[in-house]
C-alpha cells in the first residue's frame, strides 16, 4: 500500500508519516530536512517551442501523408490535373492543422 496515499484517511496518513495534526516539531523538521532534503521539484530541461512544433512532423503517419501530398502534387503538375493539386493542398492543410493541434496540446 506504499503508493495508495490517496485512499488513506487523514489520521492514517499522519500515523504513517509519524506526524501530528499540529505538524512537526522544529527539531523533527530539521532532522527530516537533513535526512531526506528539501521538498522541491526537480527542474527539467525545457524543450523549445520550435522543437515541439518539429516533433509533430516525425510521426510515421504524418510522414506518409506528406509523401502522399508530394506525390499527388507531382502528378497534378505533370498531368495538368487540378484535382490532384487540390488533393495535395487538402492533405497539407490537414497535416498542418494536426501539427498546430498537437503543438497547442503539448
PDB file of N, CA and C in Angstrom:
ATOM      1  N   UNK A   1       0.830  -1.191   0.000  1.00  0.00           N
ATOM      2  CA  UNK A   1       0.000   0.000   0.000  1.00  0.00           C
ATOM      3  C   UNK A   1       0.875   1.255   0.000  1.00  0.00           C
ATOM      4  N   UNK A   2       2.102   1.124  -0.479  1.00  0.00           N
ATOM      5  CA  UNK A   2       3.035   2.242  -0.458  1.00  0.00           C
ATOM      6  C   UNK A   2       2.594   3.393  -1.354  1.00  0.00           C
ATOM      7  N   UNK A   3       1.942   3.109  -2.477  1.00  0.00           N
ATOM      8  CA  UNK A   3       1.561   4.165  -3.400  1.00  0.00           C
ATOM      9  C   UNK A   3       0.110   4.581  -3.302  1.00  0.00           C
ATOM     10  N   UNK A   4      -0.618   4.085  -2.318  1.00  0.00           N
ATOM     11  CA  UNK A   4      -2.050   4.365  -2.207  1.00  0.00           C
ATOM     12  C   UNK A   4      -2.359   5.440  -1.172  1.00  0.00           C
ATOM     13  N   UNK A   5      -1.578   6.488  -1.145  1.00  0.00           N
ATOM     14  CA  UNK A   5      -1.786   7.550  -0.161  1.00  0.00           C
ATOM     15  C   UNK A   5      -3.146   8.215  -0.327  1.00  0.00           C
ATOM     16  N   UNK A   6      -3.643   8.300  -1.541  1.00  0.00           N
ATOM     17  CA  UNK A   6      -4.924   8.961  -1.794  1.00  0.00           C
ATOM     18  C   UNK A   6      -6.097   8.214  -1.168  1.00  0.00           C
ATOM     19  N   UNK A   7      -5.908   6.920  -0.899  1.00  0.00           N
ATOM     20  CA  UNK A   7      -7.002   6.125  -0.347  1.00  0.00           C
ATOM     21  C   UNK A   7      -7.020   6.148   1.182  1.00  0.00           C
ATOM     22  N   UNK A   8      -6.000   6.718   1.795  1.00  0.00           N
ATOM     23  CA  UNK A   8      -5.914   6.744   3.255  1.00  0.00           C
ATOM     24  C   UNK A   8      -6.659   7.943   3.823  1.00  0.00           C
ATOM     25  N   UNK A   9      -7.142   7.780   5.022  1.00  0.00           N
ATOM     26  CA  UNK A   9      -7.740   8.897   5.735  1.00  0.00           C
ATOM     27  C   UNK A   9      -6.654   9.781   6.331  1.00  0.00           C
ATOM     28  N   UNK A  10      -7.056  10.928   6.834  1.00  0.00           N
ATOM     29  CA  UNK A  10      -6.091  11.892   7.379  1.00  0.00           C
ATOM     30  C   UNK A  10      -5.323  11.299   8.551  1.00  0.00           C
ATOM     31  N   UNK A  11      -6.010  10.620   9.451  1.00  0.00           N
ATOM     32  CA  UNK A  11      -5.340  10.031  10.620  1.00  0.00           C
ATOM     33  C   UNK A  11      -4.321   8.980  10.200  1.00  0.00           C
ATOM     34  N   UNK A  12      -4.669   8.161   9.216  1.00  0.00           N
ATOM     35  CA  UNK A  12      -3.747   7.121   8.756  1.00  0.00           C
ATOM     36  C   UNK A  12      -2.503   7.735   8.116  1.00  0.00           C
ATOM     37  N   UNK A  13      -2.694   8.808   7.366  1.00  0.00           N
ATOM     38  CA  UNK A  13      -1.541   9.482   6.753  1.00  0.00           C
ATOM     39  C   UNK A  13      -0.636  10.057   7.829  1.00  0.00           C
ATOM     40  N   UNK A  14      -1.219  10.735   8.798  1.00  0.00           N
ATOM     41  CA  UNK A  14      -0.419  11.298   9.889  1.00  0.00           C
ATOM     42  C   UNK A  14       0.341  10.206  10.624  1.00  0.00           C
ATOM     43  N   UNK A  15      -0.303   9.074  10.844  1.00  0.00           N
ATOM     44  CA  UNK A  15       0.344   7.973  11.551  1.00  0.00           C
ATOM     45  C   UNK A  15       1.503   7.416  10.723  1.00  0.00           C
ATOM     46  N   UNK A  16       1.309   7.233   9.419  1.00  0.00           N
ATOM     47  CA  UNK A  16       2.375   6.685   8.576  1.00  0.00           C
ATOM     48  C   UNK A  16       3.544   7.654   8.439  1.00  0.00           C
ATOM     49  N   UNK A  17       3.260   8.954   8.511  1.00  0.00           N
ATOM     50  CA  UNK A  17       4.325   9.952   8.417  1.00  0.00           C
ATOM     51  C   UNK A  17       4.914  10.300   9.772  1.00  0.00           C
ATOM     52  N   UNK A  18       4.399   9.676  10.810  1.00  0.00           N
ATOM     53  CA  UNK A  18       4.848   9.936  12.177  1.00  0.00           C
ATOM     54  C   UNK A  18       4.760  11.433  12.479  1.00  0.00           C
ATOM     55  N   UNK A  19       3.576  11.984  12.228  1.00  0.00           N
ATOM     56  CA  UNK A  19       3.332  13.405  12.446  1.00  0.00           C
ATOM     57  C   UNK A  19       2.063  13.563  13.274  1.00  0.00           C
ATOM     58  N   UNK A  20       1.777  14.792  13.654  1.00  0.00           N
ATOM     59  CA  UNK A  20       0.560  15.073  14.412  1.00  0.00           C
ATOM     60  C   UNK A  20      -0.263  16.103  13.640  1.00  0.00           C
ATOM     61  N   UNK A  21      -1.527  16.294  14.009  1.00  0.00           N
ATOM     62  CA  UNK A  21      -2.342  17.307  13.328  1.00  0.00           C
ATOM     63  C   UNK A  21      -1.767  18.719  13.453  1.00  0.00           C
ATOM     64  N   UNK A  22      -0.912  18.942  14.423  1.00  0.00           N
ATOM     65  CA  UNK A  22      -0.286  20.254  14.605  1.00  0.00           C
ATOM     66  C   UNK A  22       0.994  20.408  13.788  1.00  0.00           C
ATOM     67  N   UNK A  23       1.415  19.341  13.123  1.00  0.00           N
ATOM     68  CA  UNK A  23       2.629  19.400  12.319  1.00  0.00           C
ATOM     69  C   UNK A  23       3.806  18.777  13.035  1.00  0.00           C
ATOM     70  N   UNK A  24       4.998  19.059  12.556  1.00  0.00           N
ATOM     71  CA  UNK A  24       6.221  18.530  13.139  1.00  0.00           C
ATOM     72  C   UNK A  24       6.820  19.548  14.096  1.00  0.00           C
ATOM     73  N   UNK A  25       7.546  19.030  15.056  1.00  0.00           N
ATOM     74  CA  UNK A  25       8.290  19.947  15.922  1.00  0.00           C
ATOM     75  C   UNK A  25       9.455  20.518  15.115  1.00  0.00           C
ATOM     76  N   UNK A  26      10.014  21.609  15.580  1.00  0.00           N
ATOM     77  CA  UNK A  26      11.140  22.228  14.865  1.00  0.00           C
ATOM     78  C   UNK A  26      12.308  21.263  14.762  1.00  0.00           C
ATOM     79  N   UNK A  27      12.548  20.532  15.825  1.00  0.00           N
ATOM     80  CA  UNK A  27      13.665  19.585  15.831  1.00  0.00           C
ATOM     81  C   UNK A  27      13.420  18.468  14.819  1.00  0.00           C
ATOM     82  N   UNK A  28      12.202  17.919  14.807  1.00  0.00           N
ATOM     83  CA  UNK A  28      11.875  16.844  13.864  1.00  0.00           C
ATOM     84  C   UNK A  28      11.941  17.352  12.422  1.00  0.00           C
ATOM     85  N   UNK A  29      11.491  18.574  12.185  1.00  0.00           N
ATOM     86  CA  UNK A  29      11.560  19.151  10.837  1.00  0.00           C
ATOM     87  C   UNK A  29      13.005  19.291  10.384  1.00  0.00           C
ATOM     88  N   UNK A  30      13.903  19.753  11.282  1.00  0.00           N
ATOM     89  CA  UNK A  30      15.326  19.870  10.948  1.00  0.00           C
ATOM     90  C   UNK A  30      15.926  18.506  10.659  1.00  0.00           C
ATOM     91  N   UNK A  31      15.573  17.505  11.490  1.00  0.00           N
ATOM     92  CA  UNK A  31      16.115  16.158  11.290  1.00  0.00           C
ATOM     93  C   UNK A  31      15.678  15.581   9.942  1.00  0.00           C
ATOM     94  N   UNK A  32      14.405  15.759   9.620  1.00  0.00           N
ATOM     95  CA  UNK A  32      13.908  15.221   8.349  1.00  0.00           C
ATOM     96  C   UNK A  32      14.502  15.981   7.158  1.00  0.00           C
ATOM     97  N   UNK A  33      14.677  17.275   7.305  1.00  0.00           N
ATOM     98  CA  UNK A  33      15.297  18.055   6.237  1.00  0.00           C
ATOM     99  C   UNK A  33      16.723  17.580   5.989  1.00  0.00           C
ATOM    100  N   UNK A  34      17.455  17.296   7.065  1.00  0.00           N
ATOM    101  CA  UNK A  34      18.823  16.805   6.922  1.00  0.00           C
ATOM    102  C   UNK A  34      18.836  15.392   6.335  1.00  0.00           C
ATOM    103  N   UNK A  35      17.845  14.577   6.694  1.00  0.00           N
ATOM    104  CA  UNK A  35      17.817  13.186   6.263  1.00  0.00           C
ATOM    105  C   UNK A  35      17.347  13.026   4.808  1.00  0.00           C
ATOM    106  N   UNK A  36      16.288  13.712   4.406  1.00  0.00           N
ATOM    107  CA  UNK A  36      15.720  13.491   3.067  1.00  0.00           C
ATOM    108  C   UNK A  36      15.846  14.695   2.138  1.00  0.00           C
ATOM    109  N   UNK A  37      16.276  15.826   2.647  1.00  0.00           N
ATOM    110  CA  UNK A  37      16.453  17.001   1.804  1.00  0.00           C
ATOM    111  C   UNK A  37      15.185  17.823   1.697  1.00  0.00           C
ATOM    112  N   UNK A  38      15.262  18.946   0.994  1.00  0.00           N
ATOM    113  CA  UNK A  38      14.101  19.831   0.873  1.00  0.00           C
ATOM    114  C   UNK A  38      13.013  19.215  -0.016  1.00  0.00           C
ATOM    115  N   UNK A  39      11.803  19.650   0.201  1.00  0.00           N
ATOM    116  CA  UNK A  39      10.656  19.179  -0.573  1.00  0.00           C
ATOM    117  C   UNK A  39      10.507  20.068  -1.807  1.00  0.00           C
ATOM    118  N   UNK A  40      11.344  19.798  -2.824  1.00  0.00           N
ATOM    119  CA  UNK A  40      11.354  20.611  -4.032  1.00  0.00           C
ATOM    120  C   UNK A  40      11.232  19.723  -5.260  1.00  0.00           C
ATOM    121  N   UNK A  41      10.614  20.266  -6.293  1.00  0.00           N
ATOM    122  CA  UNK A  41      10.537  19.562  -7.564  1.00  0.00           C
ATOM    123  C   UNK A  41      11.859  19.714  -8.304  1.00  0.00           C
ATOM    124  N   UNK A  42      12.250  18.668  -9.000  1.00  0.00           N
ATOM    125  CA  UNK A  42      13.474  18.700  -9.784  1.00  0.00           C
ATOM    126  C   UNK A  42      13.186  19.434 -11.091  1.00  0.00           C
ATOM    127  N   UNK A  43      14.007  20.423 -11.402  1.00  0.00           N
ATOM    128  CA  UNK A  43      13.841  21.182 -12.639  1.00  0.00           C
ATOM    129  C   UNK A  43      14.356  20.350 -13.809  1.00  0.00           C
ATOM    130  N   UNK A  44      13.557  20.237 -14.841  1.00  0.00           N
ATOM    131  CA  UNK A  44      13.981  19.525 -16.037  1.00  0.00           C
ATOM    132  C   UNK A  44      14.307  20.539 -17.131  1.00  0.00           C
ATOM    133  N   UNK A  45      15.060  20.079 -18.098  1.00  0.00           N
ATOM    134  CA  UNK A  45      15.415  20.959 -19.209  1.00  0.00           C
ATOM    135  C   UNK A  45      14.155  21.295 -19.999  1.00  0.00           C
ATOM    136  N   UNK A  46      13.980  22.551 -20.300  1.00  0.00           N
ATOM    137  CA  UNK A  46      12.796  22.997 -21.036  1.00  0.00           C
ATOM    138  C   UNK A  46      13.009  22.774 -22.532  1.00  0.00           C
ATOM    139  N   UNK A  47      11.991  22.235 -23.174  1.00  0.00           N
ATOM    140  CA  UNK A  47      12.052  21.987 -24.613  1.00  0.00           C
ATOM    141  C   UNK A  47      11.553  23.239 -25.331  1.00  0.00           C
ATOM    142  N   UNK A  48      12.299  23.664 -26.340  1.00  0.00           N
ATOM    143  CA  UNK A  48      11.926  24.890 -27.050  1.00  0.00           C
ATOM    144  C   UNK A  48      10.634  24.673 -27.843  1.00  0.00           C
ATOM    145  N   UNK A  49       9.836  25.721 -28.000  1.00  0.00           N
ATOM    146  CA  UNK A  49       8.603  25.599 -28.782  1.00  0.00           C
ATOM    147  C   UNK A  49       8.856  25.146 -30.223  1.00  0.00           C
ATOM    148  N   UNK A  50       9.967  25.578 -30.799  1.00  0.00           N
ATOM    149  CA  UNK A  50      10.292  25.170 -32.169  1.00  0.00           C
ATOM    150  C   UNK A  50      10.498  23.661 -32.254  1.00  0.00           C
ATOM    151  N   UNK A  51      11.178  23.101 -31.258  1.00  0.00           N
ATOM    152  CA  UNK A  51      11.418  21.656 -31.231  1.00  0.00           C
ATOM    153  C   UNK A  51      10.111  20.891 -31.026  1.00  0.00           C
ATOM    154  N   UNK A  52       9.217  21.448 -30.209  1.00  0.00           N
ATOM    155  CA  UNK A  52       7.905  20.818 -30.006  1.00  0.00           C
ATOM    156  C   UNK A  52       7.128  20.812 -31.321  1.00  0.00           C
ATOM    157  N   UNK A  53       7.187  21.930 -32.047  1.00  0.00           N
ATOM    158  CA  UNK A  53       6.493  22.004 -33.332  1.00  0.00           C
ATOM    159  C   UNK A  53       7.077  21.004 -34.328  1.00  0.00           C
ATOM    160  N   UNK A  54       8.397  20.918 -34.391  1.00  0.00           N
ATOM    161  CA  UNK A  54       9.026  19.964 -35.308  1.00  0.00           C
ATOM    162  C   UNK A  54       8.686  18.521 -34.950  1.00  0.00           C
ATOM    163  N   UNK A  55       8.527  18.246 -33.665  1.00  0.00           N
ATOM    164  CA  UNK A  55       8.222  16.873 -33.250  1.00  0.00           C
ATOM    165  C   UNK A  55       6.854  16.415 -33.737  1.00  0.00           C
ATOM    166  N   UNK A  56       6.009  17.354 -34.136  1.00  0.00           N
ATOM    167  CA  UNK A  56       4.685  16.994 -34.648  1.00  0.00           C
ATOM    168  C   UNK A  56       4.769  16.363 -36.041  1.00  0.00           C
ATOM    169  N   UNK A  57       5.889  16.526 -36.716  1.00  0.00           N
ATOM    170  CA  UNK A  57       6.023  16.043 -38.087  1.00  0.00           C
ATOM    171  C   UNK A  57       6.839  14.757 -38.205  1.00  0.00           C
ATOM    172  N   UNK A  58       7.205  14.119 -37.103  1.00  0.00           N
ATOM    173  CA  UNK A  58       8.043  12.923 -37.182  1.00  0.00           C
ATOM    174  C   UNK A  58       7.256  11.629 -37.004  1.00  0.00           C
ATOM    175  N   UNK A  59       5.966  11.711 -36.817  1.00  0.00           N
ATOM    176  CA  UNK A  59       5.139  10.518 -36.718  1.00  0.00           C
ATOM    177  C   UNK A  59       5.077   9.837 -38.085  1.00  0.00           C
ATOM    178  N   UNK A  60       5.050   8.515 -38.088  1.00  0.00           N
ATOM    179  CA  UNK A  60       5.071   7.758 -39.340  1.00  0.00           C
ATOM    180  C   UNK A  60       3.873   8.117 -40.226  1.00  0.00           C
ATOM    181  N   UNK A  61       2.690   8.219 -39.641  1.00  0.00           N
ATOM    182  CA  UNK A  61       1.507   8.547 -40.446  1.00  0.00           C
ATOM    183  C   UNK A  61       1.592   9.949 -41.041  1.00  0.00           C
ATOM    184  N   UNK A  62       2.167  10.882 -40.302  1.00  0.00           N
ATOM    185  CA  UNK A  62       2.321  12.242 -40.829  1.00  0.00           C
ATOM    186  C   UNK A  62       3.299  12.232 -41.998  1.00  0.00           C
ATOM    187  N   UNK A  63       4.372  11.477 -41.872  1.00  0.00           N
ATOM    188  CA  UNK A  63       5.340  11.377 -42.969  1.00  0.00           C
ATOM    189  C   UNK A  63       4.690  10.744 -44.196  1.00  0.00           C
ATOM    190  N   UNK A  64       3.858   9.725 -43.980  1.00  0.00           N
ATOM    191  CA  UNK A  64       3.141   9.096 -45.097  1.00  0.00           C
ATOM    192  C   UNK A  64       2.203  10.107 -45.761  1.00  0.00           C
ATOM    193  N   UNK A  65       1.511  10.905 -44.955  1.00  0.00           N
ATOM    194  CA  UNK A  65       0.611  11.916 -45.519  1.00  0.00           C
ATOM    195  C   UNK A  65       1.379  12.974 -46.312  1.00  0.00           C
ATOM    196  N   UNK A  66       2.524  13.392 -45.795  1.00  0.00           N
ATOM    197  CA  UNK A  66       3.338  14.378 -46.523  1.00  0.00           C
ATOM    198  C   UNK A  66       3.824  13.782 -47.845  1.00  0.00           C
ATOM    199  N   UNK A  67       4.249  12.515 -47.810  1.00  0.00           N
ATOM    200  CA  UNK A  67       4.680  11.852 -49.046  1.00  0.00           C
ATOM    201  C   UNK A  67       3.522  11.750 -50.032  1.00  0.00           C
ATOM    202  N   UNK A  68       2.333  11.424 -49.539  1.00  0.00           N
ATOM    203  CA  UNK A  68       1.158  11.341 -50.417  1.00  0.00           C
ATOM    204  C   UNK A  68       0.844  12.703 -51.027  1.00  0.00           C
ATOM    205  N   UNK A  69       0.990  13.756 -50.237  1.00  0.00           N
ATOM    206  CA  UNK A  69       0.740  15.101 -50.758  1.00  0.00           C
ATOM    207  C   UNK A  69       1.756  15.456 -51.839  1.00  0.00           C
ATOM    208  N   UNK A  70       3.016  15.109 -51.616  1.00  0.00           N
ATOM    209  CA  UNK A  70       4.047  15.398 -52.621  1.00  0.00           C
ATOM    210  C   UNK A  70       3.803  14.618 -53.910  1.00  0.00           C
ATOM    211  N   UNK A  71       3.430  13.346 -53.769  1.00  0.00           N
ATOM    212  CA  UNK A  71       3.146  12.528 -54.953  1.00  0.00           C
ATOM    213  C   UNK A  71       1.938  13.081 -55.702  1.00  0.00           C
ATOM    214  N   UNK A  72       0.907  13.433 -54.954  1.00  0.00           N
ATOM    215  CA  UNK A  72      -0.296  13.983 -55.579  1.00  0.00           C
ATOM    216  C   UNK A  72       0.011  15.300 -56.288  1.00  0.00           C
ATOM    217  N   UNK A  73       0.823  16.136 -55.659  1.00  0.00           N
ATOM    218  CA  UNK A  73       1.192  17.411 -56.286  1.00  0.00           C
ATOM    219  C   UNK A  73       2.031  17.175 -57.538  1.00  0.00           C
ATOM    220  N   UNK A  74       2.953  16.220 -57.478  1.00  0.00           N
ATOM    221  CA  UNK A  74       3.785  15.922 -58.646  1.00  0.00           C
ATOM    222  C   UNK A  74       2.936  15.396 -59.799  1.00  0.00           C
ATOM    223  N   UNK A  75       1.986  14.520 -59.481  1.00  0.00           N
ATOM    224  CA  UNK A  75       1.096  14.011 -60.528  1.00  0.00           C
ATOM    225  C   UNK A  75       0.229  15.127 -61.101  1.00  0.00           C
ATOM    226  N   UNK A  76      -0.252  15.992 -60.227  1.00  0.00           N
ATOM    227  CA  UNK A  76      -1.082  17.099 -60.688  1.00  0.00           C
ATOM    228  C   UNK A  76      -0.333  18.042 -61.596  1.00  0.00           C
ATOM    229  N   UNK A  77       0.924  18.310 -61.264  1.00  0.00           N
ATOM    230  CA  UNK A  77       1.730  19.210 -62.095  1.00  0.00           C
ATOM    231  C   UNK A  77       2.130  18.556 -63.413  1.00  0.00           C
ATOM    232  N   UNK A  78       2.462  17.257 -63.359  1.00  0.00           N
ATOM    233  CA  UNK A  78       2.921  16.590 -64.587  1.00  0.00           C
ATOM    234  C   UNK A  78       1.779  16.314 -65.556  1.00  0.00           C
ATOM    235  N   UNK A  79       0.581  16.073 -65.028  1.00  0.00           N
ATOM    236  CA  UNK A  79      -0.555  15.749 -65.896  1.00  0.00           C
ATOM    237  C   UNK A  79      -1.526  16.921 -66.037  1.00  0.00           C
ATOM    238  N   UNK A  80      -1.164  18.041 -65.450  1.00  0.00           N
ATOM    239  CA  UNK A  80      -2.000  19.242 -65.506  1.00  0.00           C
ATOM    240  C   UNK A  80      -3.418  18.975 -64.981  1.00  0.00           C
ATOM    241  N   UNK A  81      -3.478  18.258 -63.853  1.00  0.00           N
ATOM    242  CA  UNK A  81      -4.755  17.915 -63.213  1.00  0.00           C
ATOM    243  C   UNK A  81      -4.918  18.760 -61.955  1.00  0.00           C
ATOM    244  N   UNK A  82      -5.928  19.610 -61.953  1.00  0.00           N
ATOM    245  CA  UNK A  82      -6.147  20.445 -60.771  1.00  0.00           C
ATOM    246  C   UNK A  82      -6.706  19.648 -59.600  1.00  0.00           C
ATOM    247  N   UNK A  83      -7.385  18.543 -59.871  1.00  0.00           N
ATOM    248  CA  UNK A  83      -7.941  17.726 -58.783  1.00  0.00           C
ATOM    249  C   UNK A  83      -6.819  17.173 -57.908  1.00  0.00           C
ATOM    250  N   UNK A  84      -5.728  16.728 -58.539  1.00  0.00           N
ATOM    251  CA  UNK A  84      -4.597  16.216 -57.767  1.00  0.00           C
ATOM    252  C   UNK A  84      -3.945  17.323 -56.945  1.00  0.00           C
ATOM    253  N   UNK A  85      -3.896  18.519 -57.492  1.00  0.00           N
ATOM    254  CA  UNK A  85      -3.329  19.645 -56.748  1.00  0.00           C
ATOM    255  C   UNK A  85      -4.206  20.006 -55.554  1.00  0.00           C
ATOM    256  N   UNK A  86      -5.521  19.952 -55.746  1.00  0.00           N
ATOM    257  CA  UNK A  86      -6.433  20.207 -54.624  1.00  0.00           C
ATOM    258  C   UNK A  86      -6.283  19.133 -53.546  1.00  0.00           C
ATOM    259  N   UNK A  87      -6.122  17.879 -53.982  1.00  0.00           N
ATOM    260  CA  UNK A  87      -5.907  16.795 -53.018  1.00  0.00           C
ATOM    261  C   UNK A  87      -4.633  17.041 -52.208  1.00  0.00           C
ATOM    262  N   UNK A  88      -3.573  17.429 -52.899  1.00  0.00           N
ATOM    263  CA  UNK A  88      -2.303  17.696 -52.218  1.00  0.00           C
ATOM    264  C   UNK A  88      -2.452  18.842 -51.227  1.00  0.00           C
ATOM    265  N   UNK A  89      -3.137  19.893 -51.653  1.00  0.00           N
ATOM    266  CA  UNK A  89      -3.350  21.041 -50.776  1.00  0.00           C
ATOM    267  C   UNK A  89      -4.173  20.648 -49.551  1.00  0.00           C
ATOM    268  N   UNK A  90      -5.203  19.855 -49.757  1.00  0.00           N
ATOM    269  CA  UNK A  90      -6.044  19.415 -48.647  1.00  0.00           C
ATOM    270  C   UNK A  90      -5.252  18.560 -47.662  1.00  0.00           C
ATOM    271  N   UNK A  91      -4.421  17.663 -48.170  1.00  0.00           N
ATOM    272  CA  UNK A  91      -3.603  16.823 -47.288  1.00  0.00           C
ATOM    273  C   UNK A  91      -2.653  17.690 -46.472  1.00  0.00           C
ATOM    274  N   UNK A  92      -2.004  18.660 -47.109  1.00  0.00           N
ATOM    275  CA  UNK A  92      -1.078  19.545 -46.395  1.00  0.00           C
ATOM    276  C   UNK A  92      -1.814  20.360 -45.340  1.00  0.00           C
ATOM    277  N   UNK A  93      -3.005  20.851 -45.662  1.00  0.00           N
ATOM    278  CA  UNK A  93      -3.792  21.613 -44.681  1.00  0.00           C
ATOM    279  C   UNK A  93      -4.115  20.737 -43.474  1.00  0.00           C
ATOM    280  N   UNK A  94      -4.485  19.486 -43.713  1.00  0.00           N
ATOM    281  CA  UNK A  94      -4.797  18.572 -42.608  1.00  0.00           C
ATOM    282  C   UNK A  94      -3.556  18.308 -41.766  1.00  0.00           C
ATOM    283  N   UNK A  95      -2.410  18.098 -42.403  1.00  0.00           N
ATOM    284  CA  UNK A  95      -1.166  17.857 -41.660  1.00  0.00           C
ATOM    285  C   UNK A  95      -0.802  19.077 -40.818  1.00  0.00           C
ATOM    286  N   UNK A  96      -0.938  20.270 -41.381  1.00  0.00           N
ATOM    287  CA  UNK A  96      -0.619  21.497 -40.637  1.00  0.00           C
ATOM    288  C   UNK A  96      -1.589  21.693 -39.474  1.00  0.00           C
ATOM    289  N   UNK A  97      -2.876  21.444 -39.707  1.00  0.00           N
ATOM    290  CA  UNK A  97      -3.853  21.567 -38.616  1.00  0.00           C
ATOM    291  C   UNK A  97      -3.557  20.563 -37.505  1.00  0.00           C
ATOM    292  N   UNK A  98      -3.172  19.349 -37.883  1.00  0.00           N
ATOM    293  CA  UNK A  98      -2.800  18.336 -36.901  1.00  0.00           C
ATOM    294  C   UNK A  98      -1.579  18.780 -36.096  1.00  0.00           C
ATOM    295  N   UNK A  99      -0.600  19.365 -36.774  1.00  0.00           N
ATOM    296  CA  UNK A  99       0.606  19.842 -36.093  1.00  0.00           C
ATOM    297  C   UNK A  99       0.279  20.978 -35.133  1.00  0.00           C
ATOM    298  N   UNK A 100      -0.582  21.888 -35.543  1.00  0.00           N
ATOM    299  CA  UNK A 100      -0.966  23.003 -34.667  1.00  0.00           C
ATOM    300  C   UNK A 100      -1.702  22.483 -33.443  1.00  0.00           C
ATOM    301  N   UNK A 101      -2.623  21.550 -33.651  1.00  0.00           N
ATOM    302  CA  UNK A 101      -3.364  20.979 -32.527  1.00  0.00           C
ATOM    303  C   UNK A 101      -2.429  20.253 -31.563  1.00  0.00           C
ATOM    304  N   UNK A 102      -1.512  19.456 -32.096  1.00  0.00           N
ATOM    305  CA  UNK A 102      -0.546  18.757 -31.246  1.00  0.00           C
ATOM    306  C   UNK A 102       0.356  19.721 -30.501  1.00  0.00           C
ATOM    307  N   UNK A 103       0.778  20.789 -31.169  1.00  0.00           N
ATOM    308  CA  UNK A 103       1.632  21.799 -30.541  1.00  0.00           C
ATOM    309  C   UNK A 103       0.911  22.481 -29.387  1.00  0.00           C
ATOM    310  N   UNK A 104      -0.337  22.857 -29.611  1.00  0.00           N
ATOM    311  CA  UNK A 104      -1.111  23.540 -28.569  1.00  0.00           C
ATOM    312  C   UNK A 104      -1.336  22.614 -27.378  1.00  0.00           C
ATOM    313  N   UNK A 105      -1.577  21.342 -27.637  1.00  0.00           N
ATOM    314  CA  UNK A 105      -1.817  20.401 -26.548  1.00  0.00           C
ATOM    315  C   UNK A 105      -0.566  20.150 -25.726  1.00  0.00           C
ATOM    316  N   UNK A 106       0.602  20.194 -26.346  1.00  0.00           N
ATOM    317  CA  UNK A 106       1.832  19.979 -25.585  1.00  0.00           C
ATOM    318  C   UNK A 106       2.237  21.249 -24.892  1.00  0.00           C
TER     319      UNK A 106
END
